[in-house]
Amino acid sequence: MVRFDKAHASESGDYYQVLFERGGERDQYLLIQRQFEFRDGGLCYIETHDMSRSGHFRIVRAKLSPQCLVLACDNGPEVEAMFNASEEEYLEVRRILQIMLPHLEVAVAC
């Protein structure tokens, strides 16, 4: 599990993403993207600083709290991220993740 200093969420049309970064440097990051423009079977693109854990995956379980995100991928990695975020940043991350992952479980703690 990696601890990230920043959490960002964004959307552009039918494209959504959440980015967790450590120290503002790209040597430690977790990027989760999903698009709704084309049918793709509900896949999300996950990219990390460890490229062997990157690719398109179907997320079968997702749990979010104000400090933690846990994702279980079908035929892929389990991703756990601890992060620091202001209340405003957390609420935006939660909003975007709920669009990307309708089955997202929101909890007090992971």
PDB file of N, CA and C in Angstrom:
ATOM      1  N   MET A   1       0.851  -1.180   0.000  1.00  0.00           N
ATOM      2  CA  MET A   1       0.000   0.000   0.000  1.00  0.00           C
ATOM      3  C   MET A   1       0.893   1.238   0.000  1.00  0.00           C
ATOM      4  N   VAL A   2       0.539   2.185  -0.833  1.00  0.00           N
ATOM      5  CA  VAL A   2       1.298   3.429  -0.949  1.00  0.00           C
ATOM      6  C   VAL A   2       0.468   4.549  -0.346  1.00  0.00           C
ATOM      7  N   ARG A   3       1.138   5.473   0.330  1.00  0.00           N
ATOM      8  CA  ARG A   3       0.471   6.665   0.854  1.00  0.00           C
ATOM      9  C   ARG A   3       0.748   7.817  -0.106  1.00  0.00           C
ATOM     10  N   PHE A   4      -0.338   8.455  -0.553  1.00  0.00           N
ATOM     11  CA  PHE A   4      -0.237   9.573  -1.478  1.00  0.00           C
ATOM     12  C   PHE A   4      -0.551  10.876  -0.765  1.00  0.00           C
ATOM     13  N   ASP A   5       0.105  11.957  -1.210  1.00  0.00           N
ATOM     14  CA  ASP A   5      -0.079  13.274  -0.603  1.00  0.00           C
ATOM     15  C   ASP A   5      -1.251  14.037  -1.192  1.00  0.00           C
ATOM     16  N   LYS A   6      -1.588  13.736  -2.442  1.00  0.00           N
ATOM     17  CA  LYS A   6      -2.607  14.518  -3.152  1.00  0.00           C
ATOM     18  C   LYS A   6      -3.602  13.603  -3.841  1.00  0.00           C
ATOM     19  N   ALA A   7      -4.822  14.084  -3.944  1.00  0.00           N
ATOM     20  CA  ALA A   7      -5.878  13.379  -4.665  1.00  0.00           C
ATOM     21  C   ALA A   7      -6.595  14.400  -5.549  1.00  0.00           C
ATOM     22  N   HIS A   8      -6.713  14.087  -6.831  1.00  0.00           N
ATOM     23  CA  HIS A   8      -7.364  14.969  -7.796  1.00  0.00           C
ATOM     24  C   HIS A   8      -8.407  14.173  -8.570  1.00  0.00           C
ATOM     25  N   ALA A   9      -9.507  14.820  -8.899  1.00  0.00           N
ATOM     26  CA  ALA A   9     -10.530  14.194  -9.739  1.00  0.00           C
ATOM     27  C   ALA A   9     -10.905  15.178 -10.830  1.00  0.00           C
ATOM     28  N   SER A  10     -11.180  14.650 -12.027  1.00  0.00           N
ATOM     29  CA  SER A  10     -11.566  15.534 -13.116  1.00  0.00           C
ATOM     30  C   SER A  10     -12.483  14.797 -14.082  1.00  0.00           C
ATOM     31  N   GLU A  11     -13.188  15.594 -14.867  1.00  0.00           N
ATOM     32  CA  GLU A  11     -14.055  15.054 -15.907  1.00  0.00           C
ATOM     33  C   GLU A  11     -13.994  15.968 -17.113  1.00  0.00           C
ATOM     34  N   SER A  12     -14.141  15.365 -18.278  1.00  0.00           N
ATOM     35  CA  SER A  12     -14.184  16.101 -19.533  1.00  0.00           C
ATOM     36  C   SER A  12     -15.105  15.332 -20.466  1.00  0.00           C
ATOM     37  N   GLY A  13     -16.318  15.825 -20.626  1.00  0.00           N
ATOM     38  CA  GLY A  13     -17.298  15.125 -21.455  1.00  0.00           C
ATOM     39  C   GLY A  13     -17.611  13.762 -20.876  1.00  0.00           C
ATOM     40  N   ASP A  14     -17.343  12.708 -21.637  1.00  0.00           N
ATOM     41  CA  ASP A  14     -17.613  11.333 -21.202  1.00  0.00           C
ATOM     42  C   ASP A  14     -16.383  10.663 -20.595  1.00  0.00           C
ATOM     43  N   TYR A  15     -15.380  11.437 -20.233  1.00  0.00           N
ATOM     44  CA  TYR A  15     -14.125  10.905 -19.701  1.00  0.00           C
ATOM     45  C   TYR A  15     -13.924  11.384 -18.267  1.00  0.00           C
ATOM     46  N   TYR A  16     -13.578  10.432 -17.395  1.00  0.00           N
ATOM     47  CA  TYR A  16     -13.423  10.714 -15.964  1.00  0.00           C
ATOM     48  C   TYR A  16     -12.099  10.147 -15.484  1.00  0.00           C
ATOM     49  N   GLN A  17     -11.493  10.838 -14.505  1.00  0.00           N
ATOM     50  CA  GLN A  17     -10.270  10.293 -13.943  1.00  0.00           C
ATOM     51  C   GLN A  17     -10.056  10.758 -12.515  1.00  0.00           C
ATOM     52  N   VAL A  18      -9.362   9.913 -11.778  1.00  0.00           N
ATOM     53  CA  VAL A  18      -8.907  10.230 -10.428  1.00  0.00           C
ATOM     54  C   VAL A  18      -7.410   9.947 -10.407  1.00  0.00           C
ATOM     55  N   LEU A  19      -6.655  10.888  -9.862  1.00  0.00           N
ATOM     56  CA  LEU A  19      -5.203  10.769  -9.797  1.00  0.00           C
ATOM     57  C   LEU A  19      -4.753  10.970  -8.364  1.00  0.00           C
ATOM     58  N   PHE A  20      -3.983  10.017  -7.863  1.00  0.00           N
ATOM     59  CA  PHE A  20      -3.339  10.132  -6.557  1.00  0.00           C
ATOM     60  C   PHE A  20      -1.849  10.296  -6.819  1.00  0.00           C
ATOM     61  N   GLU A  21      -1.231  11.291  -6.171  1.00  0.00           N
ATOM     62  CA  GLU A  21       0.190  11.555  -6.370  1.00  0.00           C
ATOM     63  C   GLU A  21       0.901  11.636  -5.027  1.00  0.00           C
ATOM     64  N   ARG A  22       2.173  11.360  -5.076  1.00  0.00           N
ATOM     65  CA  ARG A  22       3.011  11.471  -3.890  1.00  0.00           C
ATOM     66  C   ARG A  22       4.044  12.564  -4.133  1.00  0.00           C
ATOM     67  N   GLY A  23       3.980  13.620  -3.315  1.00  0.00           N
ATOM     68  CA  GLY A  23       4.958  14.691  -3.392  1.00  0.00           C
ATOM     69  C   GLY A  23       4.952  15.481  -4.684  1.00  0.00           C
ATOM     70  N   GLY A  24       3.889  15.376  -5.471  1.00  0.00           N
ATOM     71  CA  GLY A  24       3.819  16.108  -6.724  1.00  0.00           C
ATOM     72  C   GLY A  24       4.708  15.525  -7.805  1.00  0.00           C
ATOM     73  N   GLU A  25       5.422  14.462  -7.500  1.00  0.00           N
ATOM     74  CA  GLU A  25       6.296  13.832  -8.483  1.00  0.00           C
ATOM     75  C   GLU A  25       5.576  12.626  -9.071  1.00  0.00           C
ATOM     76  N   ARG A  26       5.871  12.332 -10.320  1.00  0.00           N
ATOM     77  CA  ARG A  26       5.219  11.213 -10.987  1.00  0.00           C
ATOM     78  C   ARG A  26       5.907   9.883 -10.705  1.00  0.00           C
ATOM     79  N   ASP A  27       6.858   9.846  -9.784  1.00  0.00           N
ATOM     80  CA  ASP A  27       7.493   8.569  -9.492  1.00  0.00           C
ATOM     81  C   ASP A  27       6.618   7.690  -8.610  1.00  0.00           C
ATOM     82  N   GLN A  28       5.641   8.249  -7.942  1.00  0.00           N
ATOM     83  CA  GLN A  28       4.675   7.500  -7.138  1.00  0.00           C
ATOM     84  C   GLN A  28       3.288   8.045  -7.465  1.00  0.00           C
ATOM     85  N   TYR A  29       2.492   7.282  -8.217  1.00  0.00           N
ATOM     86  CA  TYR A  29       1.155   7.762  -8.564  1.00  0.00           C
ATOM     87  C   TYR A  29       0.235   6.576  -8.851  1.00  0.00           C
ATOM     88  N   LEU A  30      -1.058   6.870  -8.797  1.00  0.00           N
ATOM     89  CA  LEU A  30      -2.106   5.926  -9.172  1.00  0.00           C
ATOM     90  C   LEU A  30      -3.131   6.718  -9.970  1.00  0.00           C
ATOM     91  N   LEU A  31      -3.379   6.289 -11.193  1.00  0.00           N
ATOM     92  CA  LEU A  31      -4.327   6.940 -12.081  1.00  0.00           C
ATOM     93  C   LEU A  31      -5.424   5.939 -12.416  1.00  0.00           C
ATOM     94  N   ILE A  32      -6.682   6.367 -12.289  1.00  0.00           N
ATOM     95  CA  ILE A  32      -7.831   5.536 -12.639  1.00  0.00           C
ATOM     96  C   ILE A  32      -8.668   6.347 -13.613  1.00  0.00           C
ATOM     97  N   GLN A  33      -8.941   5.774 -14.789  1.00  0.00           N
ATOM     98  CA  GLN A  33      -9.715   6.467 -15.814  1.00  0.00           C
ATOM     99  C   GLN A  33     -10.835   5.574 -16.328  1.00  0.00           C
ATOM    100  N   ARG A  34     -11.925   6.235 -16.728  1.00  0.00           N
ATOM    101  CA  ARG A  34     -13.004   5.502 -17.389  1.00  0.00           C
ATOM    102  C   ARG A  34     -13.672   6.434 -18.380  1.00  0.00           C
ATOM    103  N   GLN A  35     -14.038   5.876 -19.513  1.00  0.00           N
ATOM    104  CA  GLN A  35     -14.743   6.647 -20.534  1.00  0.00           C
ATOM    105  C   GLN A  35     -16.087   5.989 -20.800  1.00  0.00           C
ATOM    106  N   PHE A  36     -17.062   6.817 -21.187  1.00  0.00           N
ATOM    107  CA  PHE A  36     -18.405   6.325 -21.488  1.00  0.00           C
ATOM    108  C   PHE A  36     -18.804   6.633 -22.927  1.00  0.00           C
ATOM    109  N   GLU A  37     -17.863   7.151 -23.725  1.00  0.00           N
ATOM    110  CA  GLU A  37     -18.167   7.501 -25.107  1.00  0.00           C
ATOM    111  C   GLU A  37     -18.394   6.260 -25.960  1.00  0.00           C
ATOM    112  N   PHE A  38     -17.584   5.220 -25.755  1.00  0.00           N
ATOM    113  CA  PHE A  38     -17.681   3.991 -26.527  1.00  0.00           C
ATOM    114  C   PHE A  38     -17.924   2.818 -25.590  1.00  0.00           C
ATOM    115  N   ARG A  39     -18.660   1.819 -26.052  1.00  0.00           N
ATOM    116  CA  ARG A  39     -18.886   0.611 -25.245  1.00  0.00           C
ATOM    117  C   ARG A  39     -17.581  -0.159 -25.108  1.00  0.00           C
ATOM    118  N   ASP A  40     -17.232  -0.454 -23.878  1.00  0.00           N
ATOM    119  CA  ASP A  40     -15.990  -1.186 -23.629  1.00  0.00           C
ATOM    120  C   ASP A  40     -16.156  -2.249 -22.546  1.00  0.00           C
ATOM    121  N   GLY A  41     -17.412  -2.558 -22.234  1.00  0.00           N
ATOM    122  CA  GLY A  41     -17.658  -3.579 -21.226  1.00  0.00           C
ATOM    123  C   GLY A  41     -17.425  -3.120 -19.798  1.00  0.00           C
ATOM    124  N   GLY A  42     -17.372  -1.818 -19.570  1.00  0.00           N
ATOM    125  CA  GLY A  42     -17.202  -1.309 -18.211  1.00  0.00           C
ATOM    126  C   GLY A  42     -15.773  -1.351 -17.690  1.00  0.00           C
ATOM    127  N   LEU A  43     -14.808  -1.321 -18.596  1.00  0.00           N
ATOM    128  CA  LEU A  43     -13.411  -1.382 -18.181  1.00  0.00           C
ATOM    129  C   LEU A  43     -12.911  -0.028 -17.698  1.00  0.00           C
ATOM    130  N   CYS A  44     -12.025  -0.068 -16.734  1.00  0.00           N
ATOM    131  CA  CYS A  44     -11.312   1.115 -16.275  1.00  0.00           C
ATOM    132  C   CYS A  44      -9.845   0.954 -16.643  1.00  0.00           C
ATOM    133  N   TYR A  45      -9.204   2.066 -16.913  1.00  0.00           N
ATOM    134  CA  TYR A  45      -7.761   2.042 -17.149  1.00  0.00           C
ATOM    135  C   TYR A  45      -7.094   2.420 -15.836  1.00  0.00           C
ATOM    136  N   ILE A  46      -6.203   1.568 -15.386  1.00  0.00           N
ATOM    137  CA  ILE A  46      -5.442   1.821 -14.167  1.00  0.00           C
ATOM    138  C   ILE A  46      -3.976   1.908 -14.554  1.00  0.00           C
ATOM    139  N   GLU A  47      -3.319   2.964 -14.074  1.00  0.00           N
ATOM    140  CA  GLU A  47      -1.889   3.115 -14.319  1.00  0.00           C
ATOM    141  C   GLU A  47      -1.217   3.484 -13.012  1.00  0.00           C
ATOM    142  N   THR A  48      -0.085   2.867 -12.748  1.00  0.00           N
ATOM    143  CA  THR A  48       0.696   3.182 -11.557  1.00  0.00           C
ATOM    144  C   THR A  48       2.151   3.366 -11.963  1.00  0.00           C
ATOM    145  N   HIS A  49       2.944   3.784 -10.996  1.00  0.00           N
ATOM    146  CA  HIS A  49       4.378   3.909 -11.220  1.00  0.00           C
ATOM    147  C   HIS A  49       4.993   2.540 -11.526  1.00  0.00           C
ATOM    148  N   ASP A  50       4.302   1.465 -11.171  1.00  0.00           N
ATOM    149  CA  ASP A  50       4.723   0.096 -11.483  1.00  0.00           C
ATOM    150  C   ASP A  50       3.941  -0.343 -12.723  1.00  0.00           C
ATOM    151  N   MET A  51       4.540  -0.200 -13.885  1.00  0.00           N
ATOM    152  CA  MET A  51       3.827  -0.450 -15.145  1.00  0.00           C
ATOM    153  C   MET A  51       3.334  -1.893 -15.281  1.00  0.00           C
ATOM    154  N   SER A  52       3.895  -2.834 -14.523  1.00  0.00           N
ATOM    155  CA  SER A  52       3.410  -4.214 -14.588  1.00  0.00           C
ATOM    156  C   SER A  52       2.015  -4.347 -13.981  1.00  0.00           C
ATOM    157  N   ARG A  53       1.565  -3.329 -13.253  1.00  0.00           N
ATOM    158  CA  ARG A  53       0.239  -3.335 -12.640  1.00  0.00           C
ATOM    159  C   ARG A  53      -0.714  -2.391 -13.370  1.00  0.00           C
ATOM    160  N   SER A  54      -0.377  -2.010 -14.577  1.00  0.00           N
ATOM    161  CA  SER A  54      -1.175  -1.061 -15.344  1.00  0.00           C
ATOM    162  C   SER A  54      -1.907  -1.769 -16.480  1.00  0.00           C
ATOM    163  N   GLY A  55      -3.056  -1.226 -16.867  1.00  0.00           N
ATOM    164  CA  GLY A  55      -3.815  -1.776 -17.983  1.00  0.00           C
ATOM    165  C   GLY A  55      -5.301  -1.536 -17.822  1.00  0.00           C
ATOM    166  N   HIS A  56      -6.089  -2.150 -18.690  1.00  0.00           N
ATOM    167  CA  HIS A  56      -7.550  -2.044 -18.646  1.00  0.00           C
ATOM    168  C   HIS A  56      -8.107  -3.224 -17.852  1.00  0.00           C
ATOM    169  N   PHE A  57      -8.908  -2.903 -16.832  1.00  0.00           N
ATOM    170  CA  PHE A  57      -9.446  -3.922 -15.942  1.00  0.00           C
ATOM    171  C   PHE A  57     -10.908  -3.630 -15.630  1.00  0.00           C
ATOM    172  N   ARG A  58     -11.652  -4.678 -15.326  1.00  0.00           N
ATOM    173  CA  ARG A  58     -13.002  -4.543 -14.797  1.00  0.00           C
ATOM    174  C   ARG A  58     -12.861  -4.558 -13.275  1.00  0.00           C
ATOM    175  N   ILE A  59     -13.319  -3.508 -12.652  1.00  0.00           N
ATOM    176  CA  ILE A  59     -13.230  -3.416 -11.198  1.00  0.00           C
ATOM    177  C   ILE A  59     -14.467  -4.085 -10.613  1.00  0.00           C
ATOM    178  N   VAL A  60     -14.249  -5.133  -9.834  1.00  0.00           N
ATOM    179  CA  VAL A  60     -15.357  -5.930  -9.314  1.00  0.00           C
ATOM    180  C   VAL A  60     -15.745  -5.537  -7.884  1.00  0.00           C
ATOM    181  N   ARG A  61     -14.853  -4.869  -7.183  1.00  0.00           N
ATOM    182  CA  ARG A  61     -15.150  -4.400  -5.822  1.00  0.00           C
ATOM    183  C   ARG A  61     -14.372  -3.126  -5.587  1.00  0.00           C
ATOM    184  N   ALA A  62     -15.045  -2.134  -4.990  1.00  0.00           N
ATOM    185  CA  ALA A  62     -14.395  -0.860  -4.719  1.00  0.00           C
ATOM    186  C   ALA A  62     -14.915  -0.298  -3.406  1.00  0.00           C
ATOM    187  N   LYS A  63     -13.987   0.145  -2.572  1.00  0.00           N
ATOM    188  CA  LYS A  63     -14.347   0.715  -1.274  1.00  0.00           C
ATOM    189  C   LYS A  63     -13.546   1.993  -1.076  1.00  0.00           C
ATOM    190  N   LEU A  64     -14.240   3.063  -0.697  1.00  0.00           N
ATOM    191  CA  LEU A  64     -13.616   4.367  -0.513  1.00  0.00           C
ATOM    192  C   LEU A  64     -13.973   4.921   0.860  1.00  0.00           C
ATOM    193  N   SER A  65     -12.980   5.466   1.527  1.00  0.00           N
ATOM    194  CA  SER A  65     -13.188   6.233   2.754  1.00  0.00           C
ATOM    195  C   SER A  65     -12.444   7.557   2.577  1.00  0.00           C
ATOM    196  N   PRO A  66     -12.556   8.478   3.511  1.00  0.00           N
ATOM    197  CA  PRO A  66     -11.841   9.749   3.361  1.00  0.00           C
ATOM    198  C   PRO A  66     -10.315   9.623   3.353  1.00  0.00           C
ATOM    199  N   GLN A  67      -9.775   8.460   3.706  1.00  0.00           N
ATOM    200  CA  GLN A  67      -8.322   8.287   3.723  1.00  0.00           C
ATOM    201  C   GLN A  67      -7.827   7.118   2.884  1.00  0.00           C
ATOM    202  N   CYS A  68      -8.722   6.314   2.287  1.00  0.00           N
ATOM    203  CA  CYS A  68      -8.285   5.056   1.684  1.00  0.00           C
ATOM    204  C   CYS A  68      -9.186   4.654   0.513  1.00  0.00           C
ATOM    205  N   LEU A  69      -8.560   4.038  -0.492  1.00  0.00           N
ATOM    206  CA  LEU A  69      -9.283   3.456  -1.616  1.00  0.00           C
ATOM    207  C   LEU A  69      -8.761   2.036  -1.820  1.00  0.00           C
ATOM    208  N   VAL A  70      -9.683   1.080  -1.937  1.00  0.00           N
ATOM    209  CA  VAL A  70      -9.326  -0.313  -2.215  1.00  0.00           C
ATOM    210  C   VAL A  70     -10.116  -0.751  -3.443  1.00  0.00           C
ATOM    211  N   LEU A  71      -9.399  -1.275  -4.441  1.00  0.00           N
ATOM    212  CA  LEU A  71     -10.024  -1.768  -5.667  1.00  0.00           C
ATOM    213  C   LEU A  71      -9.613  -3.208  -5.890  1.00  0.00           C
ATOM    214  N   ALA A  72     -10.576  -4.057  -6.224  1.00  0.00           N
ATOM    215  CA  ALA A  72     -10.281  -5.430  -6.632  1.00  0.00           C
ATOM    216  C   ALA A  72     -10.659  -5.538  -8.104  1.00  0.00           C
ATOM    217  N   CYS A  73      -9.704  -5.984  -8.901  1.00  0.00           N
ATOM    218  CA  CYS A  73      -9.894  -6.075 -10.345  1.00  0.00           C
ATOM    219  C   CYS A  73     -10.049  -7.521 -10.775  1.00  0.00           C
ATOM    220  N   ASP A  74     -10.946  -7.732 -11.740  1.00  0.00           N
ATOM    221  CA  ASP A  74     -11.114  -9.042 -12.351  1.00  0.00           C
ATOM    222  C   ASP A  74      -9.884  -9.325 -13.209  1.00  0.00           C
ATOM    223  N   ASN A  75      -9.188 -10.403 -12.920  1.00  0.00           N
ATOM    224  CA  ASN A  75      -7.971 -10.771 -13.648  1.00  0.00           C
ATOM    225  C   ASN A  75      -6.906  -9.677 -13.614  1.00  0.00           C
ATOM    226  N   GLY A  76      -6.813  -8.987 -12.503  1.00  0.00           N
ATOM    227  CA  GLY A  76      -5.811  -7.931 -12.389  1.00  0.00           C
ATOM    228  C   GLY A  76      -5.417  -7.708 -10.947  1.00  0.00           C
ATOM    229  N   PRO A  77      -4.715  -6.639 -10.698  1.00  0.00           N
ATOM    230  CA  PRO A  77      -4.184  -6.386  -9.359  1.00  0.00           C
ATOM    231  C   PRO A  77      -5.255  -5.909  -8.383  1.00  0.00           C
ATOM    232  N   GLU A  78      -5.007  -6.147  -7.107  1.00  0.00           N
ATOM    233  CA  GLU A  78      -5.770  -5.452  -6.071  1.00  0.00           C
ATOM    234  C   GLU A  78      -4.981  -4.200  -5.764  1.00  0.00           C
ATOM    235  N   VAL A  79      -5.670  -3.081  -5.725  1.00  0.00           N
ATOM    236  CA  VAL A  79      -5.026  -1.793  -5.538  1.00  0.00           C
ATOM    237  C   VAL A  79      -5.488  -1.216  -4.213  1.00  0.00           C
ATOM    238  N   GLU A  80      -4.537  -0.816  -3.379  1.00  0.00           N
ATOM    239  CA  GLU A  80      -4.840  -0.158  -2.115  1.00  0.00           C
ATOM    240  C   GLU A  80      -4.052   1.134  -2.060  1.00  0.00           C
ATOM    241  N   ALA A  81      -4.735   2.220  -1.740  1.00  0.00           N
ATOM    242  CA  ALA A  81      -4.076   3.515  -1.670  1.00  0.00           C
ATOM    243  C   ALA A  81      -4.555   4.278  -0.444  1.00  0.00           C
ATOM    244  N   MET A  82      -3.620   4.747   0.344  1.00  0.00           N
ATOM    245  CA  MET A  82      -3.916   5.669   1.435  1.00  0.00           C
ATOM    246  C   MET A  82      -3.635   7.065   0.884  1.00  0.00           C
ATOM    247  N   PHE A  83      -4.440   8.053   1.264  1.00  0.00           N
ATOM    248  CA  PHE A  83      -4.224   9.384   0.708  1.00  0.00           C
ATOM    249  C   PHE A  83      -4.657  10.463   1.682  1.00  0.00           C
ATOM    250  N   ASN A  84      -4.099  11.644   1.482  1.00  0.00           N
ATOM    251  CA  ASN A  84      -4.490  12.846   2.211  1.00  0.00           C
ATOM    252  C   ASN A  84      -5.292  13.706   1.251  1.00  0.00           C
ATOM    253  N   ALA A  85      -6.419  14.200   1.713  1.00  0.00           N
ATOM    254  CA  ALA A  85      -7.242  15.070   0.877  1.00  0.00           C
ATOM    255  C   ALA A  85      -8.061  15.981   1.789  1.00  0.00           C
ATOM    256  N   SER A  86      -8.264  17.204   1.329  1.00  0.00           N
ATOM    257  CA  SER A  86      -9.175  18.096   2.041  1.00  0.00           C
ATOM    258  C   SER A  86     -10.584  17.544   1.877  1.00  0.00           C
ATOM    259  N   GLU A  87     -11.511  18.054   2.649  1.00  0.00           N
ATOM    260  CA  GLU A  87     -12.896  17.581   2.515  1.00  0.00           C
ATOM    261  C   GLU A  87     -13.424  17.844   1.110  1.00  0.00           C
ATOM    262  N   GLU A  88     -13.103  19.004   0.558  1.00  0.00           N
ATOM    263  CA  GLU A  88     -13.545  19.349  -0.796  1.00  0.00           C
ATOM    264  C   GLU A  88     -12.947  18.392  -1.829  1.00  0.00           C
ATOM    265  N   GLU A  89     -11.654  18.089  -1.722  1.00  0.00           N
ATOM    266  CA  GLU A  89     -11.010  17.153  -2.646  1.00  0.00           C
ATOM    267  C   GLU A  89     -11.619  15.751  -2.516  1.00  0.00           C
ATOM    268  N   TYR A  90     -11.830  15.314  -1.280  1.00  0.00           N
ATOM    269  CA  TYR A  90     -12.418  13.993  -1.059  1.00  0.00           C
ATOM    270  C   TYR A  90     -13.811  13.903  -1.675  1.00  0.00           C
ATOM    271  N   LEU A  91     -14.631  14.922  -1.475  1.00  0.00           N
ATOM    272  CA  LEU A  91     -15.989  14.893  -2.018  1.00  0.00           C
ATOM    273  C   LEU A  91     -15.982  14.839  -3.545  1.00  0.00           C
ATOM    274  N   GLU A  92     -15.034  15.515  -4.183  1.00  0.00           N
ATOM    275  CA  GLU A  92     -14.936  15.470  -5.639  1.00  0.00           C
ATOM    276  C   GLU A  92     -14.416  14.103  -6.105  1.00  0.00           C
ATOM    277  N   VAL A  93     -13.436  13.546  -5.410  1.00  0.00           N
ATOM    278  CA  VAL A  93     -12.958  12.197  -5.722  1.00  0.00           C
ATOM    279  C   VAL A  93     -14.106  11.202  -5.585  1.00  0.00           C
ATOM    280  N   ARG A  94     -14.866  11.313  -4.503  1.00  0.00           N
ATOM    281  CA  ARG A  94     -15.996  10.404  -4.291  1.00  0.00           C
ATOM    282  C   ARG A  94     -17.036  10.543  -5.399  1.00  0.00           C
ATOM    283  N   ARG A  95     -17.357  11.780  -5.781  1.00  0.00           N
ATOM    284  CA  ARG A  95     -18.352  12.019  -6.829  1.00  0.00           C
ATOM    285  C   ARG A  95     -17.917  11.376  -8.149  1.00  0.00           C
ATOM    286  N   ILE A  96     -16.676  11.585  -8.532  1.00  0.00           N
ATOM    287  CA  ILE A  96     -16.179  11.037  -9.799  1.00  0.00           C
ATOM    288  C   ILE A  96     -16.101   9.515  -9.733  1.00  0.00           C
ATOM    289  N   LEU A  97     -15.617   8.965  -8.627  1.00  0.00           N
ATOM    290  CA  LEU A  97     -15.544   7.509  -8.499  1.00  0.00           C
ATOM    291  C   LEU A  97     -16.931   6.876  -8.518  1.00  0.00           C
ATOM    292  N   GLN A  98     -17.938   7.541  -7.966  1.00  0.00           N
ATOM    293  CA  GLN A  98     -19.296   6.997  -7.991  1.00  0.00           C
ATOM    294  C   GLN A  98     -19.857   6.970  -9.412  1.00  0.00           C
ATOM    295  N   ILE A  99     -19.419   7.881 -10.262  1.00  0.00           N
ATOM    296  CA  ILE A  99     -19.815   7.841 -11.674  1.00  0.00           C
ATOM    297  C   ILE A  99     -19.085   6.690 -12.367  1.00  0.00           C
ATOM    298  N   MET A 100     -17.791   6.597 -12.136  1.00  0.00           N
ATOM    299  CA  MET A 100     -16.974   5.576 -12.787  1.00  0.00           C
ATOM    300  C   MET A 100     -17.303   4.172 -12.296  1.00  0.00           C
ATOM    301  N   LEU A 101     -17.607   4.051 -11.009  1.00  0.00           N
ATOM    302  CA  LEU A 101     -17.816   2.753 -10.352  1.00  0.00           C
ATOM    303  C   LEU A 101     -19.133   2.791  -9.594  1.00  0.00           C
ATOM    304  N   PRO A 102     -20.253   2.539 -10.259  1.00  0.00           N
ATOM    305  CA  PRO A 102     -21.562   2.641  -9.601  1.00  0.00           C
ATOM    306  C   PRO A 102     -21.702   1.753  -8.368  1.00  0.00           C
ATOM    307  N   HIS A 103     -20.924   0.694  -8.270  1.00  0.00           N
ATOM    308  CA  HIS A 103     -20.985  -0.219  -7.130  1.00  0.00           C
ATOM    309  C   HIS A 103     -20.029   0.188  -5.996  1.00  0.00           C
ATOM    310  N   LEU A 104     -19.473   1.399  -6.075  1.00  0.00           N
ATOM    311  CA  LEU A 104     -18.547   1.878  -5.055  1.00  0.00           C
ATOM    312  C   LEU A 104     -19.179   1.865  -3.677  1.00  0.00           C
ATOM    313  N   GLU A 105     -18.494   1.264  -2.738  1.00  0.00           N
ATOM    314  CA  GLU A 105     -18.925   1.277  -1.336  1.00  0.00           C
ATOM    315  C   GLU A 105     -18.234   2.446  -0.660  1.00  0.00           C
ATOM    316  N   VAL A 106     -19.007   3.344  -0.086  1.00  0.00           N
ATOM    317  CA  VAL A 106     -18.457   4.467   0.645  1.00  0.00           C
ATOM    318  C   VAL A 106     -18.521   4.133   2.124  1.00  0.00           C
ATOM    319  N   ALA A 107     -17.376   4.251   2.797  1.00  0.00           N
ATOM    320  CA  ALA A 107     -17.288   3.850   4.194  1.00  0.00           C
ATOM    321  C   ALA A 107     -16.605   4.933   5.015  1.00  0.00           C
ATOM    322  N   VAL A 108     -16.699   4.797   6.322  1.00  0.00           N
ATOM    323  CA  VAL A 108     -16.009   5.702   7.233  1.00  0.00           C
ATOM    324  C   VAL A 108     -14.514   5.402   7.235  1.00  0.00           C
ATOM    325  N   ALA A 109     -14.167   4.114   7.140  1.00  0.00           N
ATOM    326  CA  ALA A 109     -12.759   3.675   7.110  1.00  0.00           C
ATOM    327  C   ALA A 109     -12.661   2.434   6.226  1.00  0.00           C
ATOM    328  N   CYS A 110     -11.479   2.220   5.665  1.00  0.00           N
ATOM    329  CA  CYS A 110     -11.255   1.025   4.817  1.00  0.00           C
ATOM    330  C   CYS A 110     -10.920  -0.174   5.679  1.00  0.00           C
TER     331      CYS A 110
END
